[in-house]
Each structure stands twice: as structure tokens, then as C-alpha cells.
């Protein structure tokens, strides 16, 4: 037991998911409800175990001197019959059952009120000033579209979601293939992404930070490696990031990067990926316009650095088996040029 408890506590942060830490008002209210339900469950469990233990102790250690007296009246000599009912005992049992029934109704009422109150509190958090972001689940990566009334200012990125601190965010959830589930335990609850249906989810970050998210609905071979990060930053930093992300990729000036751009546009990369400002406009894979500004590769699976980027391009199946990106065969010079070009997309 001494080894089991630390393991259970450690599992609340398994894979970087901190399930018991609230960093936003939505999770804070859900955490309060969870604490109440846990307390009620613990008290009920303790009461049941104590009652069971008491019954066992009375059965085993009670005075047996009273048993023959009851049994002498229960079974006539030489005959068979049922033990007579002890009125005092029946009254005690009746009171116990009645008390338990009343307590059960009271606890159910408390849980119902707490649940309704939490739902109403979450509804009050919705704001007309909320930032709207469309989330699209793919096997096995995330597409994020920061929406704007002006279509030219719709920002498209992947696997790294930036949000302003203190501002409500409404997520519009869709899926391109199978059912996925969006979950950032420190900021919001789970919500499914269902093909052909749009669900919504609200979140808000109360402090700056990087929060780990994960798909929580089994969606295929690489479900476990379908992660993402939410970067919460000050409103002015978020706006600066947004303006930078809206810009098209700068044309490379370095000769090696220029060669890398040609490798990208003339090879298979442009068949699946888009880079704003170039002829690459496919949407099968993540948008790579500012890929070098992200901290991870392969939907949160790998850190973004040259070694992992090269390994992903040449043989992504060795790093994330079952993903939909084919292995590429490139001459060493073309590979190095392509790496230089992709690292310039910030």
C-alpha cells in the first residue's frame, strides 16, 4: 500500500496531463463538484465498511449466552419451527433502514443541486467577447483555425493552440474521419469530435503557461500519440503571435533555403501540406506556413529540432508507426536544403 499510493498520485500527471490541477474557471468549478462527489462517496463507503465490520464483530465476538435463550423459545423440544421474531431487534433494523433511506435521498438531492449549480455557473462563463476557434481532428493530428469576421484574417495552424489569458474561448469541434475527443484537463473538460456534427466547448486560462492536451477517444493506431499543447499568453503577446501567423511565409534569401523550397514544391511534400505565400495549398497534412515556430512535431510526439525533423521526413513510420505520412527518399544534399528551408518558416 505504501508503494501504491505514490503511484496513484503520480498517475494524475501521467504523460504531462495534470488531471487534478485547475488553471481556469471551467475546471475550477468542475473540480469543486468532483471534490464534493469524492467526499460524499468516501463518507458513504466508510459508513458501509464500518457497518459491515460492526456486523462481523458482533457475529464473531458477541455473547453467546443470549443465543440459547432465544433458541429455546424458537424451536419446541422435539419439533421444528421458525425462530420467532424479536420485536426490539426488528424495530432497531427498521429505524436503521429508514435512516439510511432518508440519508440516501438527502445525498441524492445534494448531488442534484450541486450538479445543476455547476452547470449554471459554467453557462454564466460564456461571453459575447469570446474568441472562436475551430478545432478539426484528423488521424492523427489537430488542425486549429482562429476565426475572424474577416475571412482574410482566419489563421490556420496545427497541434499548437495559442489563447489569450483571461479571455473566454469557444472551441467549435469537428472531425474529418472518426470520433476524436478534445481534452485539456487543466483548462476544460472532455468533448467529442464527431464526423458530420459540430460540438462546442469553452475554456479559459487564468495564467500564462503551456498546457498539455490529448485525444481521449480511441481513434485508431496512433491514438496515444495524438497530443497537442495549449499556449496561454498575455493578450498583447497573443495578438503579436496572431499577426505573425497571419503573414505568409517569407521567400527564402539563403541559397540553400531556396533550394530547399524547390525540393518542397517540386516533390511529394506539396501534395499534402500548405505553405502560405507559395503554390503549396494542400490540406491533407498540417499547415506548415510557420512550422518552425512550434515546439513539437508529429502532434506533440517529438520536440522540434533538426534531428527529429530529418528522421520524420525520411521515415516517419519509425517514430510514429501507422501515421499517414509516407517515407521519403531524398539525396543528402536535398534533405539538408529542405531542413534549412523548413527551419526558416517561423
Protein backbone atom coordinates (compact mmCIF):
# COMPACT_ATOMS: atom_id res chain seq x y z
CA UNK A 1 0.00 0.00 0.00
CA UNK A 2 2.88 2.38 0.75
CA UNK A 3 4.12 1.86 -2.82
CA UNK A 4 0.65 2.00 -4.38
CA UNK A 5 -0.37 5.45 -3.06
CA UNK A 6 2.56 7.36 -4.63
CA UNK A 7 1.90 5.53 -7.90
CA UNK A 8 -1.76 6.57 -7.89
CA UNK A 9 -0.83 10.17 -7.13
CA UNK A 10 1.81 10.17 -9.85
CA UNK A 11 -0.72 8.93 -12.40
CA UNK A 12 -2.63 12.20 -12.05
CA UNK A 13 0.17 13.72 -14.13
CA UNK A 14 0.87 10.80 -16.47
CA UNK A 15 2.02 11.91 -19.91
CA UNK A 16 2.14 15.54 -18.78
CA UNK A 17 -1.64 15.63 -18.15
CA UNK A 18 -2.26 17.22 -14.75
CA UNK A 19 -5.75 15.99 -14.05
CA UNK A 20 -6.20 17.46 -10.58
CA UNK A 21 -4.88 20.98 -11.20
CA UNK A 22 -7.30 23.71 -12.24
CA UNK A 23 -5.83 26.64 -14.18
CA UNK A 24 -9.10 28.05 -15.48
CA UNK A 25 -12.60 28.85 -14.18
CA UNK A 26 -14.27 25.97 -16.03
CA UNK A 27 -12.05 23.32 -14.47
CA UNK A 28 -12.17 25.09 -11.08
CA UNK A 29 -15.93 24.66 -10.94
CA UNK A 30 -15.75 21.09 -12.19
CA UNK A 31 -13.06 20.39 -9.60
CA UNK A 32 -15.33 21.71 -6.83
CA UNK A 33 -18.07 19.36 -7.98
CA UNK A 34 -15.59 16.49 -8.16
CA UNK A 35 -14.36 17.23 -4.62
CA UNK A 36 -17.95 17.15 -3.32
CA UNK A 37 -18.73 13.85 -5.07
CA UNK A 38 -15.47 12.35 -3.82
CA UNK A 39 -16.23 13.44 -0.26
CA UNK A 40 -19.76 12.02 -0.39
CA UNK A 41 -18.51 8.77 -1.90
CA UNK A 42 -15.78 8.45 0.71
CA UNK A 43 -18.21 9.04 3.58
CA UNK A 44 -20.72 6.53 2.18
CA UNK A 45 -18.00 3.94 1.62
CA UNK A 46 -16.63 4.47 5.12
CA UNK A 47 -20.15 4.10 6.60
CA UNK A 48 -20.81 0.87 4.70
CA UNK A 49 -17.45 -0.59 5.69
CA UNK A 50 -17.96 0.35 9.35
CA UNK A 51 -21.43 -1.20 9.36
CA UNK A 52 -20.06 -4.36 7.78
CA UNK A 53 -17.20 -4.50 10.24
CA UNK A 54 -19.55 -3.98 13.18
CA UNK A 55 -21.82 -6.78 11.98
CA UNK A 56 -18.85 -9.13 11.61
CA UNK A 57 -17.55 -8.30 15.08
CA UNK A 58 -20.99 -8.83 16.66
CA UNK A 59 -21.36 -12.10 14.85
CA UNK A 60 -17.95 -13.33 15.91
CA UNK A 61 -17.40 -11.82 19.34
CA UNK A 62 -20.91 -11.30 20.70
CA UNK A 63 -22.04 -13.06 23.87
CA UNK A 64 -23.40 -16.49 23.05
CA UNK A 65 -25.12 -16.72 26.41
CA UNK A 66 -28.13 -14.97 24.91
CA UNK A 67 -28.43 -17.28 21.94
CA UNK A 68 -29.69 -20.42 23.73
CA UNK A 69 -32.34 -18.37 25.46
CA UNK A 70 -33.74 -17.15 22.17
CA UNK A 71 -33.33 -20.54 20.55
CA UNK A 72 -35.07 -22.28 23.48
CA UNK A 73 -38.20 -20.33 22.68
CA UNK A 74 -37.67 -20.60 18.97
CA UNK A 75 -37.74 -24.37 18.48
CA UNK A 76 -40.10 -26.50 20.57
CA UNK A 77 -38.48 -29.61 22.02
CA UNK A 78 -38.68 -32.46 19.55
CA UNK A 79 -40.25 -30.25 16.86
CA UNK A 80 -39.29 -27.97 14.02
CA UNK A 81 -40.25 -24.36 13.57
CA UNK A 82 -39.03 -20.91 12.64
CA UNK A 83 -37.26 -18.72 15.12
CA UNK A 84 -39.73 -16.14 16.48
CA UNK A 85 -39.25 -12.51 15.56
CA UNK A 86 -37.59 -10.32 18.19
CA UNK A 87 -39.73 -7.12 18.20
CA UNK A 88 -36.97 -4.94 19.68
CA UNK A 89 -34.47 -6.11 17.08
CA UNK A 90 -36.96 -5.54 14.27
CA UNK A 91 -37.60 -2.01 15.47
CA UNK A 92 -33.86 -1.27 15.50
CA UNK A 93 -33.46 -2.67 11.99
CA UNK A 94 -36.44 -0.66 10.77
CA UNK A 95 -35.02 2.56 12.18
CA UNK A 96 -31.62 1.81 10.61
CA UNK A 97 -33.14 1.13 7.19
CA UNK A 98 -35.33 4.22 7.40
CA UNK A 99 -32.39 6.40 8.42
CA UNK A 100 -30.30 5.03 5.54
CA UNK A 101 -33.11 5.70 3.07
CA UNK A 102 -33.54 9.28 4.28
CA UNK A 103 -29.77 9.90 4.11
CA UNK A 104 -29.69 8.46 0.58
CA UNK A 105 -32.43 10.83 -0.55
CA UNK A 106 -30.67 13.78 1.09
CA UNK A 107 -27.35 12.93 -0.60
CA UNK A 108 -29.02 12.48 -3.98
CA UNK A 109 -30.71 15.86 -3.55
CA UNK A 110 -27.38 17.48 -2.64
CA UNK A 111 -25.69 15.92 -5.68
CA UNK A 112 -28.52 17.04 -7.98
CA UNK A 113 -28.40 20.61 -6.69
CA UNK A 114 -24.60 20.72 -6.91
CA UNK A 115 -24.64 19.38 -10.46
CA UNK A 116 -27.28 21.89 -11.59
CA UNK A 117 -25.43 24.72 -9.85
CA UNK A 118 -22.19 23.77 -11.59
CA UNK A 119 -23.93 23.67 -14.97
CA UNK A 120 -25.45 27.10 -14.38
CA UNK A 121 -22.07 28.50 -13.29
CA UNK A 122 -20.42 27.16 -16.44
CA UNK A 123 -23.18 28.70 -18.58
CA UNK A 124 -22.59 32.10 -16.95
CA UNK A 125 -18.95 31.99 -18.06
CA UNK A 126 -19.95 32.31 -21.70
CA UNK A 127 -19.19 35.75 -23.09
CA UNK A 128 -20.11 37.52 -26.34
CA UNK A 129 -16.48 38.66 -26.43
CA UNK A 130 -15.22 35.07 -26.58
CA UNK A 131 -12.56 34.12 -29.09
CA UNK A 132 -13.83 31.46 -31.51
CA UNK A 133 -11.51 28.68 -32.67
CA UNK A 134 -12.43 25.80 -34.91
CA UNK A 135 -10.80 22.51 -33.95
CA UNK A 136 -10.65 19.74 -36.55
CA UNK A 137 -9.50 16.27 -35.57
CA UNK A 138 -7.57 14.16 -38.07
CA UNK A 139 -5.91 10.77 -37.83
CA UNK A 140 -3.66 11.66 -36.01
CA UNK A 141 -3.12 15.40 -35.63
CA UNK A 142 -5.05 18.57 -34.77
CA UNK A 143 -5.98 21.46 -37.01
CA UNK A 144 -6.73 24.82 -35.36
CA UNK A 145 -8.45 27.71 -37.13
CA UNK A 146 -8.62 31.01 -35.22
CA UNK A 147 -11.80 32.51 -36.66
CA UNK A 148 -12.46 36.15 -37.54
CA UNK A 149 -15.36 38.03 -39.16
CA UNK A 150 -12.89 38.99 -41.86
CA UNK A 151 -12.19 35.78 -43.84
CA UNK A 152 -8.73 37.06 -44.78
CA UNK A 153 -7.78 37.02 -41.09
CA UNK A 154 -8.65 33.38 -40.43
CA UNK A 155 -5.49 31.81 -39.05
CA UNK A 156 -4.69 28.14 -39.72
CA UNK A 157 -2.16 26.22 -37.65
CA UNK A 158 -1.67 22.72 -36.27
CA UNK A 159 -1.02 20.92 -32.98
CA UNK A 160 -0.23 24.10 -31.03
CA UNK A 161 -3.15 26.25 -29.86
CA UNK A 162 -2.45 29.78 -28.60
CA UNK A 163 -5.05 31.54 -26.43
CA UNK A 164 -5.08 34.88 -24.57
CA UNK A 165 -5.06 34.74 -20.77
CA UNK A 166 -8.29 35.84 -19.11
CA UNK A 167 -10.43 35.73 -22.26
CA UNK A 168 -13.09 33.05 -22.81
CA UNK A 169 -12.52 30.80 -25.80
CA UNK A 170 -15.25 28.89 -27.63
CA UNK A 171 -14.00 25.81 -29.46
CA UNK A 172 -16.05 24.54 -32.38
CA UNK A 173 -15.22 20.86 -32.66
CA UNK A 174 -15.35 18.84 -35.89
CA UNK A 175 -13.77 15.64 -37.17
CA UNK A 176 -12.66 14.71 -40.68
CA UNK A 177 -12.62 10.94 -40.19
CA UNK A 178 -13.52 9.15 -36.93
CA UNK A 179 -14.63 10.18 -33.43
CA UNK A 180 -11.91 12.01 -31.51
CA UNK A 181 -12.09 13.66 -28.09
CA UNK A 182 -10.56 17.02 -27.13
CA UNK A 183 -9.24 17.29 -23.58
CA UNK A 184 -7.02 19.77 -21.74
CA UNK A 185 -7.50 18.67 -18.11
CA UNK A 186 -6.09 21.86 -16.58
CA UNK A 187 -8.35 24.14 -18.65
CA UNK A 188 -11.56 22.34 -19.62
CA UNK A 189 -13.46 19.08 -19.65
CA UNK A 190 -13.63 16.46 -22.41
CA UNK A 191 -15.78 16.83 -25.50
CA UNK A 192 -16.11 14.53 -28.52
CA UNK A 193 -15.43 15.50 -32.13
CA UNK A 194 -17.98 13.61 -34.24
CA UNK A 195 -17.92 13.43 -38.06
CA UNK A 196 -20.80 15.41 -39.57
CA UNK A 197 -21.64 17.16 -36.30
CA UNK A 198 -20.30 20.27 -34.59
CA UNK A 199 -19.91 20.31 -30.83
CA UNK A 200 -18.79 23.28 -28.77
CA UNK A 201 -16.58 23.56 -25.73
CA UNK A 202 -15.48 26.55 -23.64
CA UNK A 203 -12.14 27.12 -21.98
CA UNK A 204 -10.27 29.95 -20.34
CA UNK A 205 -6.76 30.17 -18.94
CA UNK A 206 -6.25 32.19 -15.77
CA UNK A 207 -2.47 32.33 -16.03
CA UNK A 208 0.20 32.12 -18.72
CA UNK A 209 1.67 28.70 -19.35
CA UNK A 210 1.89 25.69 -21.62
CA UNK A 211 -0.77 23.06 -21.01
CA UNK A 212 -0.76 19.55 -22.37
CA UNK A 213 -3.78 18.26 -24.29
CA UNK A 214 -4.65 14.83 -25.60
CA UNK A 215 -7.20 12.95 -27.67
CA UNK A 216 -9.20 10.91 -25.15
CA UNK A 217 -11.30 8.78 -27.50
CA UNK A 218 -9.65 5.74 -29.09
CA UNK A 219 -9.39 6.74 -32.74
CA UNK A 220 -7.02 4.24 -34.28
CA UNK A 221 -3.47 3.00 -34.19
CA UNK A 222 -1.81 6.25 -33.15
CA UNK A 223 -4.47 7.48 -30.73
CA UNK A 224 -1.95 7.57 -27.87
CA UNK A 225 0.32 9.91 -29.87
CA UNK A 226 -2.37 12.40 -30.87
CA UNK A 227 -1.42 15.17 -28.49
CA UNK A 228 -1.18 18.94 -28.62
CA UNK A 229 -0.25 21.90 -26.45
CA UNK A 230 -2.21 24.98 -25.45
CA UNK A 231 -0.04 28.08 -25.02
CA UNK A 232 -1.73 30.68 -22.82
CA UNK A 233 -0.13 34.10 -23.04
CA UNK A 234 -0.86 37.72 -22.24
CA UNK A 235 -3.38 39.33 -24.63
CA UNK A 236 -0.77 41.58 -26.24
CA UNK A 237 1.56 38.61 -26.80
CA UNK A 238 -1.30 36.62 -28.27
CA UNK A 239 -2.14 39.42 -30.71
CA UNK A 240 1.52 39.69 -31.72
CA UNK A 241 1.62 35.93 -32.32
CA UNK A 242 -1.61 36.12 -34.28
CA UNK A 243 -0.35 38.90 -36.55
CA UNK A 244 2.86 36.98 -37.19
CA UNK A 245 0.97 33.79 -38.01
CA UNK A 246 -1.29 35.63 -40.46
CA UNK A 247 1.69 36.66 -42.56
CA UNK A 248 2.67 34.44 -45.48
CA UNK A 249 5.96 32.63 -45.33
CA UNK A 250 8.85 34.90 -46.29
CA UNK A 251 10.62 33.95 -49.50
CA UNK A 252 13.98 32.43 -48.61
CA UNK A 253 17.06 34.52 -49.33
CA UNK A 254 19.69 31.96 -48.43
CA UNK A 255 20.69 29.85 -51.49
CA UNK A 256 20.45 26.61 -49.52
CA UNK A 257 16.96 27.51 -48.25
CA UNK A 258 15.94 28.48 -51.79
CA UNK A 259 16.97 25.04 -52.98
CA UNK A 260 15.04 23.53 -50.08
CA UNK A 261 11.91 25.42 -51.14
CA UNK A 262 12.22 23.92 -54.62
CA UNK A 263 12.62 20.45 -53.10
CA UNK A 264 9.43 21.04 -51.14
CA UNK A 265 7.37 22.43 -54.02
CA UNK A 266 8.57 20.00 -56.68
CA UNK A 267 8.49 16.90 -54.50
CA UNK A 268 5.74 14.98 -52.71
CA UNK A 269 5.62 17.42 -49.74
CA UNK A 270 3.40 19.88 -51.62
CA UNK A 271 0.85 17.15 -52.31
CA UNK A 272 -0.17 17.06 -48.63
CA UNK A 273 0.93 20.31 -46.99
CA UNK A 274 0.27 24.03 -47.43
CA UNK A 275 2.67 26.95 -47.06
CA UNK A 276 1.05 30.35 -47.41
CA UNK A 277 2.80 32.52 -49.98
CA UNK A 278 3.73 29.55 -52.18
CA UNK A 279 1.88 27.31 -54.60
CA UNK A 280 1.55 24.60 -51.91
CA UNK A 281 -2.08 24.64 -50.79
CA UNK A 282 -2.97 21.05 -49.89
CA UNK A 283 -4.82 20.25 -46.66
CA UNK A 284 -4.23 16.52 -46.18
CA UNK A 285 -1.46 17.19 -43.66
CA UNK A 286 -0.74 20.01 -41.21
CA UNK A 287 -0.26 23.55 -42.48
CA UNK A 288 3.49 24.30 -42.43
CA UNK A 289 3.49 28.07 -43.05
CA UNK A 290 5.14 28.78 -39.68
CA UNK A 291 6.07 25.26 -38.66
CA UNK A 292 9.40 26.31 -37.13
CA UNK A 293 7.58 28.47 -34.57
CA UNK A 294 6.06 25.34 -33.00
CA UNK A 295 7.68 23.45 -30.18
CA UNK A 296 6.78 19.92 -31.25
CA UNK A 297 6.48 17.61 -34.25
CA UNK A 298 4.04 14.80 -35.05
CA UNK A 299 1.17 16.07 -32.87
CA UNK A 300 3.16 16.57 -29.71
CA UNK A 301 5.16 13.36 -30.09
CA UNK A 302 8.64 14.81 -30.74
CA UNK A 303 10.48 18.03 -29.96
CA UNK A 304 11.05 20.31 -32.92
CA UNK A 305 14.73 20.11 -33.80
CA UNK A 306 16.74 19.23 -36.89
CA UNK A 307 17.46 15.64 -35.92
CA UNK A 308 13.84 14.71 -35.27
CA UNK A 309 12.69 16.70 -38.31
CA UNK A 310 15.10 14.77 -40.54
CA UNK A 311 14.03 11.44 -39.05
CA UNK A 312 10.37 12.34 -39.55
CA UNK A 313 10.87 13.28 -43.21
CA UNK A 314 12.89 10.19 -44.09
CA UNK A 315 10.95 7.56 -42.14
CA UNK A 316 8.08 8.83 -40.03
CA UNK A 317 6.86 5.26 -39.52
CA UNK A 318 9.86 4.50 -37.31
CA UNK A 319 8.84 7.36 -34.99
CA UNK A 320 5.04 7.13 -35.15
CA UNK A 321 4.04 3.80 -36.73
CA UNK A 322 0.76 3.83 -38.61
CA UNK A 323 0.64 7.56 -39.36
CA UNK A 324 -0.41 8.63 -42.84
CA UNK A 325 2.86 10.22 -43.96
CA UNK A 326 4.89 8.02 -46.31
CA UNK A 327 8.64 7.59 -46.01
CA UNK A 328 10.62 9.80 -48.41
CA UNK A 329 13.86 9.04 -50.19
CA UNK A 330 15.92 12.18 -50.68
CA UNK A 331 19.56 12.72 -51.63
CA UNK A 332 21.56 14.03 -48.65
CA UNK A 333 22.02 17.49 -50.19
CA UNK A 334 18.30 17.83 -50.92
CA UNK A 335 17.46 16.70 -47.39
CA UNK A 336 19.78 19.26 -45.81
CA UNK A 337 18.39 22.02 -48.03
CA UNK A 338 14.83 21.04 -47.16
CA UNK A 339 15.68 21.10 -43.44
CA UNK A 340 17.19 24.57 -43.73
CA UNK A 341 14.08 25.81 -45.55
CA UNK A 342 11.63 24.33 -43.02
CA UNK A 343 13.64 25.74 -40.10
CA UNK A 344 13.31 29.20 -41.66
CA UNK A 345 9.50 29.07 -41.50
CA UNK A 346 8.99 30.97 -38.26
